[in-house]
PDB file of N, CA and C in Angstrom:
ATOM      1  N   MET A   1      23.145   3.640 116.325  1.00  0.00           N
ATOM      2  CA  MET A   1      22.590   2.608 115.488  1.00  0.00           C
ATOM      3  C   MET A   1      23.510   2.386 114.284  1.00  0.00           C
ATOM      4  N   ASN A   2      23.676   1.125 113.901  1.00  0.00           N
ATOM      5  CA  ASN A   2      24.544   0.762 112.791  1.00  0.00           C
ATOM      6  C   ASN A   2      23.807   0.960 111.470  1.00  0.00           C
ATOM      7  N   LYS A   3      24.285   1.905 110.649  1.00  0.00           N
ATOM      8  CA  LYS A   3      23.624   2.236 109.382  1.00  0.00           C
ATOM      9  C   LYS A   3      23.968   1.247 108.263  1.00  0.00           C
ATOM     10  N   LYS A   4      24.960   0.358 108.481  1.00  0.00           N
ATOM     11  CA  LYS A   4      25.373  -0.564 107.434  1.00  0.00           C
ATOM     12  C   LYS A   4      24.601  -1.873 107.468  1.00  0.00           C
ATOM     13  N   ARG A   5      23.641  -1.991 108.349  1.00  0.00           N
ATOM     14  CA  ARG A   5      22.851  -3.216 108.419  1.00  0.00           C
ATOM     15  C   ARG A   5      21.933  -3.301 107.207  1.00  0.00           C
ATOM     16  N   PRO A   6      21.650  -4.511 106.719  1.00  0.00           N
ATOM     17  CA  PRO A   6      20.774  -4.633 105.544  1.00  0.00           C
ATOM     18  C   PRO A   6      19.347  -4.214 105.866  1.00  0.00           C
ATOM     19  N   VAL A   7      18.760  -3.497 104.933  1.00  0.00           N
ATOM     20  CA  VAL A   7      17.393  -3.038 105.109  1.00  0.00           C
ATOM     21  C   VAL A   7      16.420  -4.052 104.510  1.00  0.00           C
ATOM     22  N   ASN A   8      16.777  -4.614 103.376  1.00  0.00           N
ATOM     23  CA  ASN A   8      15.918  -5.562 102.678  1.00  0.00           C
ATOM     24  C   ASN A   8      16.311  -6.984 103.076  1.00  0.00           C
ATOM     25  N   LEU A   9      15.422  -7.691 103.721  1.00  0.00           N
ATOM     26  CA  LEU A   9      15.705  -9.074 104.106  1.00  0.00           C
ATOM     27  C   LEU A   9      14.877 -10.057 103.291  1.00  0.00           C
ATOM     28  N   ASP A  10      14.596  -9.711 102.060  1.00  0.00           N
ATOM     29  CA  ASP A  10      13.870 -10.606 101.162  1.00  0.00           C
ATOM     30  C   ASP A  10      14.817 -11.727 100.729  1.00  0.00           C
ATOM     31  N   LEU A  11      14.520 -12.961 101.151  1.00  0.00           N
ATOM     32  CA  LEU A  11      15.412 -14.082 100.879  1.00  0.00           C
ATOM     33  C   LEU A  11      15.562 -14.362  99.385  1.00  0.00           C
ATOM     34  N   GLY A  12      14.596 -13.958  98.597  1.00  0.00           N
ATOM     35  CA  GLY A  12      14.672 -14.172  97.160  1.00  0.00           C
ATOM     36  C   GLY A  12      15.710 -13.305  96.472  1.00  0.00           C
ATOM     37  N   THR A  13      16.152 -12.230  97.110  1.00  0.00           N
ATOM     38  CA  THR A  13      17.129 -11.336  96.484  1.00  0.00           C
ATOM     39  C   THR A  13      18.562 -11.702  96.841  1.00  0.00           C
ATOM     40  N   PHE A  14      18.751 -12.599  97.801  1.00  0.00           N
ATOM     41  CA  PHE A  14      20.104 -12.995  98.200  1.00  0.00           C
ATOM     42  C   PHE A  14      20.700 -13.913  97.145  1.00  0.00           C
ATOM     43  N   LYS A  15      22.011 -13.852  97.001  1.00  0.00           N
ATOM     44  CA  LYS A  15      22.735 -14.758  96.112  1.00  0.00           C
ATOM     45  C   LYS A  15      23.379 -15.824  96.971  1.00  0.00           C
ATOM     46  N   TYR A  16      22.969 -17.070  96.727  1.00  0.00           N
ATOM     47  CA  TYR A  16      23.476 -18.180  97.521  1.00  0.00           C
ATOM     48  C   TYR A  16      24.589 -18.885  96.760  1.00  0.00           C
ATOM     49  N   PRO A  17      25.739 -19.102  97.402  1.00  0.00           N
ATOM     50  CA  PRO A  17      26.789 -19.879  96.737  1.00  0.00           C
ATOM     51  C   PRO A  17      26.376 -21.346  96.653  1.00  0.00           C
ATOM     52  N   ILE A  18      27.018 -22.081  95.771  1.00  0.00           N
ATOM     53  CA  ILE A  18      26.650 -23.477  95.540  1.00  0.00           C
ATOM     54  C   ILE A  18      26.783 -24.317  96.809  1.00  0.00           C
ATOM     55  N   THR A  19      27.728 -23.955  97.664  1.00  0.00           N
ATOM     56  CA  THR A  19      27.904 -24.712  98.906  1.00  0.00           C
ATOM     57  C   THR A  19      26.704 -24.560  99.833  1.00  0.00           C
ATOM     58  N   SER A  20      26.123 -23.378  99.874  1.00  0.00           N
ATOM     59  CA  SER A  20      24.952 -23.195 100.737  1.00  0.00           C
ATOM     60  C   SER A  20      23.710 -23.859 100.126  1.00  0.00           C
ATOM     61  N   ILE A  21      23.626 -23.871  98.814  1.00  0.00           N
ATOM     62  CA  ILE A  21      22.495 -24.534  98.159  1.00  0.00           C
ATOM     63  C   ILE A  21      22.520 -26.028  98.469  1.00  0.00           C
ATOM     64  N   THR A  22      23.704 -26.648  98.347  1.00  0.00           N
ATOM     65  CA  THR A  22      23.777 -28.084  98.635  1.00  0.00           C
ATOM     66  C   THR A  22      23.521 -28.363 100.108  1.00  0.00           C
ATOM     67  N   SER A  23      23.943 -27.475 100.974  1.00  0.00           N
ATOM     68  CA  SER A  23      23.694 -27.658 102.406  1.00  0.00           C
ATOM     69  C   SER A  23      22.204 -27.558 102.721  1.00  0.00           C
ATOM     70  N   ILE A  24      21.549 -26.571 102.151  1.00  0.00           N
ATOM     71  CA  ILE A  24      20.113 -26.393 102.375  1.00  0.00           C
ATOM     72  C   ILE A  24      19.335 -27.590 101.812  1.00  0.00           C
ATOM     73  N   LEU A  25      19.702 -28.049 100.618  1.00  0.00           N
ATOM     74  CA  LEU A  25      19.037 -29.207 100.023  1.00  0.00           C
ATOM     75  C   LEU A  25      19.262 -30.471 100.849  1.00  0.00           C
ATOM     76  N   HIS A  26      20.448 -30.600 101.446  1.00  0.00           N
ATOM     77  CA  HIS A  26      20.735 -31.751 102.298  1.00  0.00           C
ATOM     78  C   HIS A  26      19.825 -31.752 103.519  1.00  0.00           C
ATOM     79  N   ARG A  27      19.627 -30.605 104.100  1.00  0.00           N
ATOM     80  CA  ARG A  27      18.728 -30.497 105.261  1.00  0.00           C
ATOM     81  C   ARG A  27      17.278 -30.778 104.855  1.00  0.00           C
ATOM     82  N   ILE A  28      16.855 -30.228 103.731  1.00  0.00           N
ATOM     83  CA  ILE A  28      15.482 -30.433 103.267  1.00  0.00           C
ATOM     84  C   ILE A  28      15.240 -31.915 102.963  1.00  0.00           C
ATOM     85  N   SER A  29      16.209 -32.555 102.307  1.00  0.00           N
ATOM     86  CA  SER A  29      16.036 -33.978 101.990  1.00  0.00           C
ATOM     87  C   SER A  29      15.966 -34.816 103.263  1.00  0.00           C
ATOM     88  N   GLY A  30      16.715 -34.442 104.290  1.00  0.00           N
ATOM     89  CA  GLY A  30      16.626 -35.154 105.561  1.00  0.00           C
ATOM     90  C   GLY A  30      15.271 -34.979 106.214  1.00  0.00           C
ATOM     91  N   ILE A  31      14.726 -33.781 106.136  1.00  0.00           N
ATOM     92  CA  ILE A  31      13.399 -33.517 106.703  1.00  0.00           C
ATOM     93  C   ILE A  31      12.335 -34.308 105.933  1.00  0.00           C
ATOM     94  N   ILE A  32      12.471 -34.393 104.629  1.00  0.00           N
ATOM     95  CA  ILE A  32      11.526 -35.156 103.812  1.00  0.00           C
ATOM     96  C   ILE A  32      11.600 -36.639 104.150  1.00  0.00           C
ATOM     97  N   LEU A  33      12.815 -37.145 104.350  1.00  0.00           N
ATOM     98  CA  LEU A  33      12.995 -38.577 104.592  1.00  0.00           C
ATOM     99  C   LEU A  33      12.426 -39.029 105.930  1.00  0.00           C
ATOM    100  N   PHE A  34      12.405 -38.159 106.914  1.00  0.00           N
ATOM    101  CA  PHE A  34      11.956 -38.580 108.243  1.00  0.00           C
ATOM    102  C   PHE A  34      10.535 -39.161 108.232  1.00  0.00           C
ATOM    103  N   PRO A  35       9.520 -38.455 107.735  1.00  0.00           N
ATOM    104  CA  PRO A  35       8.186 -39.081 107.721  1.00  0.00           C
ATOM    105  C   PRO A  35       8.071 -40.210 106.695  1.00  0.00           C
ATOM    106  N   CYS A  36       8.871 -40.147 105.636  1.00  0.00           N
ATOM    107  CA  CYS A  36       8.794 -41.178 104.601  1.00  0.00           C
ATOM    108  C   CYS A  36       9.280 -42.529 105.107  1.00  0.00           C
ATOM    109  N   VAL A  37      10.172 -42.517 106.090  1.00  0.00           N
ATOM    110  CA  VAL A  37      10.639 -43.779 106.667  1.00  0.00           C
ATOM    111  C   VAL A  37       9.466 -44.550 107.245  1.00  0.00           C
ATOM    112  N   PHE A  38       8.547 -43.867 107.905  1.00  0.00           N
ATOM    113  CA  PHE A  38       7.391 -44.534 108.486  1.00  0.00           C
ATOM    114  C   PHE A  38       6.493 -45.126 107.399  1.00  0.00           C
ATOM    115  N   LEU A  39       6.303 -44.398 106.307  1.00  0.00           N
ATOM    116  CA  LEU A  39       5.502 -44.923 105.198  1.00  0.00           C
ATOM    117  C   LEU A  39       6.158 -46.158 104.586  1.00  0.00           C
ATOM    118  N   MET A  40       7.472 -46.101 104.391  1.00  0.00           N
ATOM    119  CA  MET A  40       8.176 -47.235 103.804  1.00  0.00           C
ATOM    120  C   MET A  40       8.142 -48.444 104.734  1.00  0.00           C
ATOM    121  N   LEU A  41       8.283 -48.221 106.033  1.00  0.00           N
ATOM    122  CA  LEU A  41       8.218 -49.326 106.985  1.00  0.00           C
ATOM    123  C   LEU A  41       6.816 -49.927 107.041  1.00  0.00           C
ATOM    124  N   TYR A  42       5.794 -49.085 106.939  1.00  0.00           N
ATOM    125  CA  TYR A  42       4.419 -49.589 106.906  1.00  0.00           C
ATOM    126  C   TYR A  42       4.214 -50.471 105.682  1.00  0.00           C
ATOM    127  N   ALA A  43       4.655 -49.980 104.511  1.00  0.00           N
ATOM    128  CA  ALA A  43       4.489 -50.757 103.277  1.00  0.00           C
ATOM    129  C   ALA A  43       5.278 -52.061 103.348  1.00  0.00           C
ATOM    130  N   LEU A  44       6.477 -52.011 103.884  1.00  0.00           N
ATOM    131  CA  LEU A  44       7.276 -53.222 104.027  1.00  0.00           C
ATOM    132  C   LEU A  44       6.609 -54.220 104.959  1.00  0.00           C
ATOM    133  N   GLY A  45       6.138 -53.744 106.096  1.00  0.00           N
ATOM    134  CA  GLY A  45       5.466 -54.623 107.053  1.00  0.00           C
ATOM    135  C   GLY A  45       4.212 -55.249 106.470  1.00  0.00           C
ATOM    136  N   LYS A  46       3.436 -54.447 105.762  1.00  0.00           N
ATOM    137  CA  LYS A  46       2.205 -54.961 105.156  1.00  0.00           C
ATOM    138  C   LYS A  46       2.523 -55.997 104.076  1.00  0.00           C
ATOM    139  N   SER A  47       3.570 -55.746 103.299  1.00  0.00           N
ATOM    140  CA  SER A  47       3.903 -56.686 102.227  1.00  0.00           C
ATOM    141  C   SER A  47       4.493 -57.984 102.773  1.00  0.00           C
ATOM    142  N   LEU A  48       5.130 -57.933 103.931  1.00  0.00           N
ATOM    143  CA  LEU A  48       5.710 -59.138 104.521  1.00  0.00           C
ATOM    144  C   LEU A  48       4.730 -59.901 105.403  1.00  0.00           C
ATOM    145  N   ASN A  49       3.619 -59.273 105.750  1.00  0.00           N
ATOM    146  CA  ASN A  49       2.656 -59.865 106.669  1.00  0.00           C
ATOM    147  C   ASN A  49       1.903 -61.045 106.048  1.00  0.00           C
ATOM    148  N   SER A  50       1.493 -60.905 104.805  1.00  0.00           N
ATOM    149  CA  SER A  50       0.728 -61.971 104.155  1.00  0.00           C
ATOM    150  C   SER A  50       0.819 -61.803 102.648  1.00  0.00           C
ATOM    151  N   GLU A  51       0.353 -62.830 101.949  1.00  0.00           N
ATOM    152  CA  GLU A  51       0.338 -62.756 100.491  1.00  0.00           C
ATOM    153  C   GLU A  51      -0.659 -61.708 100.020  1.00  0.00           C
ATOM    154  N   GLU A  52      -1.778 -61.580 100.744  1.00  0.00           N
ATOM    155  CA  GLU A  52      -2.768 -60.563 100.392  1.00  0.00           C
ATOM    156  C   GLU A  52      -2.192 -59.160 100.554  1.00  0.00           C
ATOM    157  N   GLY A  53      -1.452 -58.957 101.656  1.00  0.00           N
ATOM    158  CA  GLY A  53      -0.822 -57.662 101.885  1.00  0.00           C
ATOM    159  C   GLY A  53       0.202 -57.350 100.812  1.00  0.00           C
ATOM    160  N   PHE A  54       0.959 -58.360 100.401  1.00  0.00           N
ATOM    161  CA  PHE A  54       1.944 -58.172  99.337  1.00  0.00           C
ATOM    162  C   PHE A  54       1.260 -57.766  98.038  1.00  0.00           C
ATOM    163  N   ASN A  55       0.198 -58.491  97.686  1.00  0.00           N
ATOM    164  CA  ASN A  55      -0.522 -58.171  96.447  1.00  0.00           C
ATOM    165  C   ASN A  55      -1.169 -56.791  96.515  1.00  0.00           C
ATOM    166  N   GLU A  56      -1.650 -56.405  97.705  1.00  0.00           N
ATOM    167  CA  GLU A  56      -2.244 -55.081  97.873  1.00  0.00           C
ATOM    168  C   GLU A  56      -1.191 -53.989  97.672  1.00  0.00           C
ATOM    169  N   MET A  57      -0.011 -54.183  98.251  1.00  0.00           N
ATOM    170  CA  MET A  57       1.070 -53.197  98.085  1.00  0.00           C
ATOM    171  C   MET A  57       1.548 -53.166  96.635  1.00  0.00           C
ATOM    172  N   LYS A  58       1.617 -54.329  96.012  1.00  0.00           N
ATOM    173  CA  LYS A  58       2.038 -54.392  94.610  1.00  0.00           C
ATOM    174  C   LYS A  58       1.064 -53.630  93.718  1.00  0.00           C
ATOM    175  N   THR A  59      -0.221 -53.806  93.961  1.00  0.00           N
ATOM    176  CA  THR A  59      -1.241 -53.096  93.186  1.00  0.00           C
ATOM    177  C   THR A  59      -1.180 -51.595  93.454  1.00  0.00           C
ATOM    178  N   MET A  60      -1.044 -51.246  94.725  1.00  0.00           N
ATOM    179  CA  MET A  60      -1.016 -49.831  95.084  1.00  0.00           C
ATOM    180  C   MET A  60       0.215 -49.137  94.500  1.00  0.00           C
ATOM    181  N   LEU A  61       1.359 -49.795  94.539  1.00  0.00           N
ATOM    182  CA  LEU A  61       2.589 -49.166  94.061  1.00  0.00           C
ATOM    183  C   LEU A  61       2.710 -49.146  92.542  1.00  0.00           C
ATOM    184  N   SER A  62       1.783 -49.777  91.842  1.00  0.00           N
ATOM    185  CA  SER A  62       1.824 -49.749  90.383  1.00  0.00           C
ATOM    186  C   SER A  62       1.050 -48.571  89.803  1.00  0.00           C
ATOM    187  N   THR A  63       0.389 -47.789  90.648  1.00  0.00           N
ATOM    188  CA  THR A  63      -0.352 -46.624  90.162  1.00  0.00           C
ATOM    189  C   THR A  63       0.616 -45.483  89.841  1.00  0.00           C
ATOM    190  N   PRO A  64       0.252 -44.609  88.912  1.00  0.00           N
ATOM    191  CA  PRO A  64       1.138 -43.485  88.571  1.00  0.00           C
ATOM    192  C   PRO A  64       1.430 -42.573  89.769  1.00  0.00           C
ATOM    193  N   PHE A  65       0.426 -42.322  90.604  1.00  0.00           N
ATOM    194  CA  PHE A  65       0.654 -41.458  91.767  1.00  0.00           C
ATOM    195  C   PHE A  65       1.684 -42.083  92.713  1.00  0.00           C
ATOM    196  N   ALA A  66       1.553 -43.387  92.945  1.00  0.00           N
ATOM    197  CA  ALA A  66       2.498 -44.074  93.835  1.00  0.00           C
ATOM    198  C   ALA A  66       3.904 -44.055  93.245  1.00  0.00           C
ATOM    199  N   LYS A  67       4.010 -44.180  91.935  1.00  0.00           N
ATOM    200  CA  LYS A  67       5.330 -44.125  91.301  1.00  0.00           C
ATOM    201  C   LYS A  67       5.970 -42.747  91.491  1.00  0.00           C
ATOM    202  N   VAL A  68       5.163 -41.699  91.406  1.00  0.00           N
ATOM    203  CA  VAL A  68       5.691 -40.346  91.644  1.00  0.00           C
ATOM    204  C   VAL A  68       6.156 -40.211  93.098  1.00  0.00           C
ATOM    205  N   VAL A  69       5.373 -40.736  94.025  1.00  0.00           N
ATOM    206  CA  VAL A  69       5.745 -40.686  95.441  1.00  0.00           C
ATOM    207  C   VAL A  69       7.035 -41.473  95.681  1.00  0.00           C
ATOM    208  N   VAL A  70       7.123 -42.661  95.106  1.00  0.00           N
ATOM    209  CA  VAL A  70       8.337 -43.474  95.257  1.00  0.00           C
ATOM    210  C   VAL A  70       9.525 -42.744  94.650  1.00  0.00           C
ATOM    211  N   TRP A  71       9.342 -42.150  93.481  1.00  0.00           N
ATOM    212  CA  TRP A  71      10.428 -41.408  92.841  1.00  0.00           C
ATOM    213  C   TRP A  71      10.862 -40.223  93.712  1.00  0.00           C
ATOM    214  N   PHE A  72       9.906 -39.544  94.306  1.00  0.00           N
ATOM    215  CA  PHE A  72      10.201 -38.414  95.197  1.00  0.00           C
ATOM    216  C   PHE A  72      11.015 -38.879  96.404  1.00  0.00           C
ATOM    217  N   VAL A  73      10.602 -39.975  97.021  1.00  0.00           N
ATOM    218  CA  VAL A  73      11.296 -40.493  98.203  1.00  0.00           C
ATOM    219  C   VAL A  73      12.694 -40.975  97.831  1.00  0.00           C
ATOM    220  N   VAL A  74      12.805 -41.718  96.742  1.00  0.00           N
ATOM    221  CA  VAL A  74      14.117 -42.225  96.327  1.00  0.00           C
ATOM    222  C   VAL A  74      15.026 -41.073  95.907  1.00  0.00           C
ATOM    223  N   SER A  75      14.458 -40.038  95.314  1.00  0.00           N
ATOM    224  CA  SER A  75      15.255 -38.859  94.944  1.00  0.00           C
ATOM    225  C   SER A  75      15.813 -38.172  96.184  1.00  0.00           C
ATOM    226  N   ALA A  76      14.969 -38.003  97.195  1.00  0.00           N
ATOM    227  CA  ALA A  76      15.433 -37.401  98.447  1.00  0.00           C
ATOM    228  C   ALA A  76      16.496 -38.277  99.091  1.00  0.00           C
ATOM    229  N   LEU A  77      16.294 -39.586  99.058  1.00  0.00           N
ATOM    230  CA  LEU A  77      17.259 -40.514  99.629  1.00  0.00           C
ATOM    231  C   LEU A  77      18.584 -40.472  98.876  1.00  0.00           C
ATOM    232  N   ALA A  78      18.522 -40.449  97.552  1.00  0.00           N
ATOM    233  CA  ALA A  78      19.742 -40.401  96.743  1.00  0.00           C
ATOM    234  C   ALA A  78      20.526 -39.124  97.025  1.00  0.00           C
ATOM    235  N   TYR A  79      19.829 -37.990  97.033  1.00  0.00           N
ATOM    236  CA  TYR A  79      20.531 -36.732  97.296  1.00  0.00           C
ATOM    237  C   TYR A  79      21.134 -36.735  98.698  1.00  0.00           C
ATOM    238  N   HIS A  80      20.357 -37.160  99.672  1.00  0.00           N
ATOM    239  CA  HIS A  80      20.837 -37.159 101.058  1.00  0.00           C
ATOM    240  C   HIS A  80      22.033 -38.090 101.213  1.00  0.00           C
ATOM    241  N   LEU A  81      21.998 -39.222 100.539  1.00  0.00           N
ATOM    242  CA  LEU A  81      23.110 -40.165 100.599  1.00  0.00           C
ATOM    243  C   LEU A  81      24.372 -39.570  99.984  1.00  0.00           C
ATOM    244  N   VAL A  82      24.256 -38.998  98.806  1.00  0.00           N
ATOM    245  CA  VAL A  82      25.423 -38.428  98.122  1.00  0.00           C
ATOM    246  C   VAL A  82      26.002 -37.262  98.933  1.00  0.00           C
ATOM    247  N   ALA A  83      25.145 -36.390  99.433  1.00  0.00           N
ATOM    248  CA  ALA A  83      25.623 -35.264 100.245  1.00  0.00           C
ATOM    249  C   ALA A  83      26.229 -35.756 101.555  1.00  0.00           C
ATOM    250  N   GLY A  84      25.670 -36.813 102.121  1.00  0.00           N
ATOM    251  CA  GLY A  84      26.228 -37.383 103.344  1.00  0.00           C
ATOM    252  C   GLY A  84      27.605 -37.979 103.122  1.00  0.00           C
ATOM    253  N   VAL A  85      27.797 -38.644 101.990  1.00  0.00           N
ATOM    254  CA  VAL A  85      29.123 -39.185 101.650  1.00  0.00           C
ATOM    255  C   VAL A  85      30.116 -38.044 101.492  1.00  0.00           C
ATOM    256  N   ARG A  86      29.672 -36.951 100.897  1.00  0.00           N
ATOM    257  CA  ARG A  86      30.551 -35.778 100.766  1.00  0.00           C
ATOM    258  C   ARG A  86      30.986 -35.281 102.146  1.00  0.00           C
ATOM    259  N   HIS A  87      30.054 -35.251 103.091  1.00  0.00           N
ATOM    260  CA  HIS A  87      30.400 -34.803 104.440  1.00  0.00           C
ATOM    261  C   HIS A  87      31.383 -35.772 105.100  1.00  0.00           C
ATOM    262  N   LEU A  88      31.202 -37.060 104.876  1.00  0.00           N
ATOM    263  CA  LEU A  88      32.144 -38.034 105.430  1.00  0.00           C
ATOM    264  C   LEU A  88      33.535 -37.848 104.840  1.00  0.00           C
ATOM    265  N   ILE A  89      33.599 -37.587 103.539  1.00  0.00           N
ATOM    266  CA  ILE A  89      34.887 -37.345 102.891  1.00  0.00           C
ATOM    267  C   ILE A  89      35.520 -36.076 103.445  1.00  0.00           C
ATOM    268  N   MET A  90      34.709 -35.036 103.656  1.00  0.00           N
ATOM    269  CA  MET A  90      35.243 -33.796 104.229  1.00  0.00           C
ATOM    270  C   MET A  90      35.718 -34.009 105.663  1.00  0.00           C
ATOM    271  N   ASP A  91      35.057 -34.902 106.403  1.00  0.00           N
ATOM    272  CA  ASP A  91      35.506 -35.208 107.766  1.00  0.00           C
ATOM    273  C   ASP A  91      36.879 -35.855 107.777  1.00  0.00           C
ATOM    274  N   MET A  92      37.261 -36.472 106.655  1.00  0.00           N
ATOM    275  CA  MET A  92      38.592 -37.059 106.551  1.00  0.00           C
ATOM    276  C   MET A  92      39.627 -36.036 106.099  1.00  0.00           C
ATOM    277  N   GLY A  93      39.200 -34.797 105.891  1.00  0.00           N
ATOM    278  CA  GLY A  93      40.130 -33.726 105.541  1.00  0.00           C
ATOM    279  C   GLY A  93      40.247 -33.448 104.061  1.00  0.00           C
ATOM    280  N   VAL A  94      39.431 -34.067 103.237  1.00  0.00           N
ATOM    281  CA  VAL A  94      39.492 -33.858 101.787  1.00  0.00           C
ATOM    282  C   VAL A  94      38.427 -32.839 101.393  1.00  0.00           C
ATOM    283  N   GLY A  95      38.826 -31.820 100.655  1.00  0.00           N
ATOM    284  CA  GLY A  95      37.873 -30.846 100.142  1.00  0.00           C
ATOM    285  C   GLY A  95      37.409 -29.827 101.168  1.00  0.00           C
ATOM    286  N   GLU A  96      38.258 -29.495 102.114  1.00  0.00           N
ATOM    287  CA  GLU A  96      37.869 -28.533 103.147  1.00  0.00           C
ATOM    288  C   GLU A  96      38.130 -27.086 102.758  1.00  0.00           C
ATOM    289  N   THR A  97      38.862 -26.874 101.671  1.00  0.00           N
ATOM    290  CA  THR A  97      39.118 -25.508 101.223  1.00  0.00           C
ATOM    291  C   THR A  97      37.883 -24.953 100.525  1.00  0.00           C
ATOM    292  N   LEU A  98      37.905 -23.667 100.261  1.00  0.00           N
ATOM    293  CA  LEU A  98      36.772 -23.040  99.569  1.00  0.00           C
ATOM    294  C   LEU A  98      36.588 -23.649  98.186  1.00  0.00           C
ATOM    295  N   GLU A  99      37.677 -23.793  97.438  1.00  0.00           N
ATOM    296  CA  GLU A  99      37.582 -24.391  96.104  1.00  0.00           C
ATOM    297  C   GLU A  99      37.166 -25.853  96.178  1.00  0.00           C
ATOM    298  N   GLY A 100      37.697 -26.579  97.162  1.00  0.00           N
ATOM    299  CA  GLY A 100      37.316 -27.982  97.343  1.00  0.00           C
ATOM    300  C   GLY A 100      35.849 -28.113  97.707  1.00  0.00           C
ATOM    301  N   GLY A 101      35.340 -27.193  98.511  1.00  0.00           N
ATOM    302  CA  GLY A 101      33.932 -27.204  98.878  1.00  0.00           C
ATOM    303  C   GLY A 101      33.027 -26.940  97.687  1.00  0.00           C
ATOM    304  N   LYS A 102      33.439 -25.988  96.861  1.00  0.00           N
ATOM    305  CA  LYS A 102      32.654 -25.685  95.649  1.00  0.00           C
ATOM    306  C   LYS A 102      32.662 -26.873  94.695  1.00  0.00           C
ATOM    307  N   ARG A 103      33.840 -27.477  94.518  1.00  0.00           N
ATOM    308  CA  ARG A 103      33.952 -28.623  93.623  1.00  0.00           C
ATOM    309  C   ARG A 103      33.136 -29.800  94.151  1.00  0.00           C
ATOM    310  N   GLY A 104      33.219 -30.034  95.452  1.00  0.00           N
ATOM    311  CA  GLY A 104      32.441 -31.114  96.063  1.00  0.00           C
ATOM    312  C   GLY A 104      30.944 -30.890  95.936  1.00  0.00           C
ATOM    313  N   SER A 105      30.517 -29.647  96.099  1.00  0.00           N
ATOM    314  CA  SER A 105      29.092 -29.328  95.951  1.00  0.00           C
ATOM    315  C   SER A 105      28.615 -29.574  94.522  1.00  0.00           C
ATOM    316  N   LEU A 106      29.437 -29.191  93.564  1.00  0.00           N
ATOM    317  CA  LEU A 106      29.084 -29.417  92.161  1.00  0.00           C
ATOM    318  C   LEU A 106      28.994 -30.916  91.875  1.00  0.00           C
ATOM    319  N   ILE A 107      29.932 -31.681  92.416  1.00  0.00           N
ATOM    320  CA  ILE A 107      29.906 -33.138  92.227  1.00  0.00           C
ATOM    321  C   ILE A 107      28.645 -33.728  92.846  1.00  0.00           C
ATOM    322  N   VAL A 108      28.284 -33.255  94.032  1.00  0.00           N
ATOM    323  CA  VAL A 108      27.071 -33.750  94.692  1.00  0.00           C
ATOM    324  C   VAL A 108      25.847 -33.496  93.817  1.00  0.00           C
ATOM    325  N   LEU A 109      25.742 -32.294  93.268  1.00  0.00           N
ATOM    326  CA  LEU A 109      24.588 -31.966  92.426  1.00  0.00           C
ATOM    327  C   LEU A 109      24.546 -32.813  91.156  1.00  0.00           C
ATOM    328  N   VAL A 110      25.683 -32.971  90.511  1.00  0.00           N
ATOM    329  CA  VAL A 110      25.726 -33.731  89.254  1.00  0.00           C
ATOM    330  C   VAL A 110      25.405 -35.204  89.506  1.00  0.00           C
ATOM    331  N   VAL A 111      26.054 -35.805  90.498  1.00  0.00           N
ATOM    332  CA  VAL A 111      25.811 -37.224  90.790  1.00  0.00           C
ATOM    333  C   VAL A 111      24.355 -37.436  91.204  1.00  0.00           C
ATOM    334  N   SER A 112      23.815 -36.522  91.993  1.00  0.00           N
ATOM    335  CA  SER A 112      22.428 -36.648  92.433  1.00  0.00           C
ATOM    336  C   SER A 112      21.462 -36.556  91.266  1.00  0.00           C
ATOM    337  N   VAL A 113      21.681 -35.620  90.368  1.00  0.00           N
ATOM    338  CA  VAL A 113      20.806 -35.484  89.194  1.00  0.00           C
ATOM    339  C   VAL A 113      20.861 -36.755  88.350  1.00  0.00           C
ATOM    340  N   VAL A 114      22.041 -37.328  88.181  1.00  0.00           N
ATOM    341  CA  VAL A 114      22.171 -38.570  87.411  1.00  0.00           C
ATOM    342  C   VAL A 114      21.407 -39.694  88.099  1.00  0.00           C
ATOM    343  N   LEU A 115      21.573 -39.844  89.415  1.00  0.00           N
ATOM    344  CA  LEU A 115      20.865 -40.900  90.149  1.00  0.00           C
ATOM    345  C   LEU A 115      19.348 -40.705  90.104  1.00  0.00           C
ATOM    346  N   ILE A 116      18.916 -39.472  90.222  1.00  0.00           N
ATOM    347  CA  ILE A 116      17.474 -39.181  90.177  1.00  0.00           C
ATOM    348  C   ILE A 116      16.921 -39.487  88.785  1.00  0.00           C
ATOM    349  N   ALA A 117      17.666 -39.150  87.738  1.00  0.00           N
ATOM    350  CA  ALA A 117      17.224 -39.451  86.374  1.00  0.00           C
ATOM    351  C   ALA A 117      17.182 -40.953  86.135  1.00  0.00           C
ATOM    352  N   VAL A 118      18.192 -41.681  86.611  1.00  0.00           N
ATOM    353  CA  VAL A 118      18.212 -43.137  86.465  1.00  0.00           C
ATOM    354  C   VAL A 118      17.028 -43.755  87.179  1.00  0.00           C
ATOM    355  N   THR A 119      16.708 -43.241  88.357  1.00  0.00           N
ATOM    356  CA  THR A 119      15.554 -43.743  89.093  1.00  0.00           C
ATOM    357  C   THR A 119      14.262 -43.509  88.315  1.00  0.00           C
ATOM    358  N   GLY A 120      14.131 -42.331  87.717  1.00  0.00           N
ATOM    359  CA  GLY A 120      12.953 -42.039  86.898  1.00  0.00           C
ATOM    360  C   GLY A 120      12.836 -42.980  85.714  1.00  0.00           C
ATOM    361  N   PHE A 121      13.960 -43.233  85.031  1.00  0.00           N
ATOM    362  CA  PHE A 121      13.933 -44.173  83.896  1.00  0.00           C
ATOM    363  C   PHE A 121      13.600 -45.585  84.355  1.00  0.00           C
ATOM    364  N   TRP A 122      14.089 -45.960  85.531  1.00  0.00           N
ATOM    365  CA  TRP A 122      13.815 -47.289  86.084  1.00  0.00           C
ATOM    366  C   TRP A 122      12.329 -47.452  86.404  1.00  0.00           C
ATOM    367  N   LEU A 123      11.718 -46.404  86.985  1.00  0.00           N
ATOM    368  CA  LEU A 123      10.313 -46.490  87.357  1.00  0.00           C
ATOM    369  C   LEU A 123       9.375 -46.454  86.163  1.00  0.00           C
ATOM    370  N   TRP A 124       9.692 -45.626  85.180  1.00  0.00           N
ATOM    371  CA  TRP A 124       8.766 -45.443  84.055  1.00  0.00           C
ATOM    372  C   TRP A 124       9.281 -46.033  82.743  1.00  0.00           C
ATOM    373  N   GLY A 125      10.449 -46.631  82.777  1.00  0.00           N
ATOM    374  CA  GLY A 125      11.029 -47.163  81.533  1.00  0.00           C
ATOM    375  C   GLY A 125      10.609 -48.545  81.188  1.00  0.00           C
TER     376      GLY A 125
END
């Protein structure tokens, strides 16, 4: 038996590098976006169906809870988009080194936080 195997598998005690954090967040944002696409398509269809449907969606989306939901969805979309662009850039051979990956991950986090903050100011400003 191999005695060097880890005994404690508590995920909270592991130290995750920034590259793994951005990768995990990219996957989580994609999982969040999947069901949200159906909600957004439903709202779009209802708003385009009739003037009554449009007014109903307008009223519903003006509530504070709906604004939080919209902000959550747009935040997931913004992060997923920025991280996806990073992957496309890496597919072209830019930032494939360890240092380039760390720098790219930091850029993804900073740009995403800025976009998420701008979205919040847009919704509640």
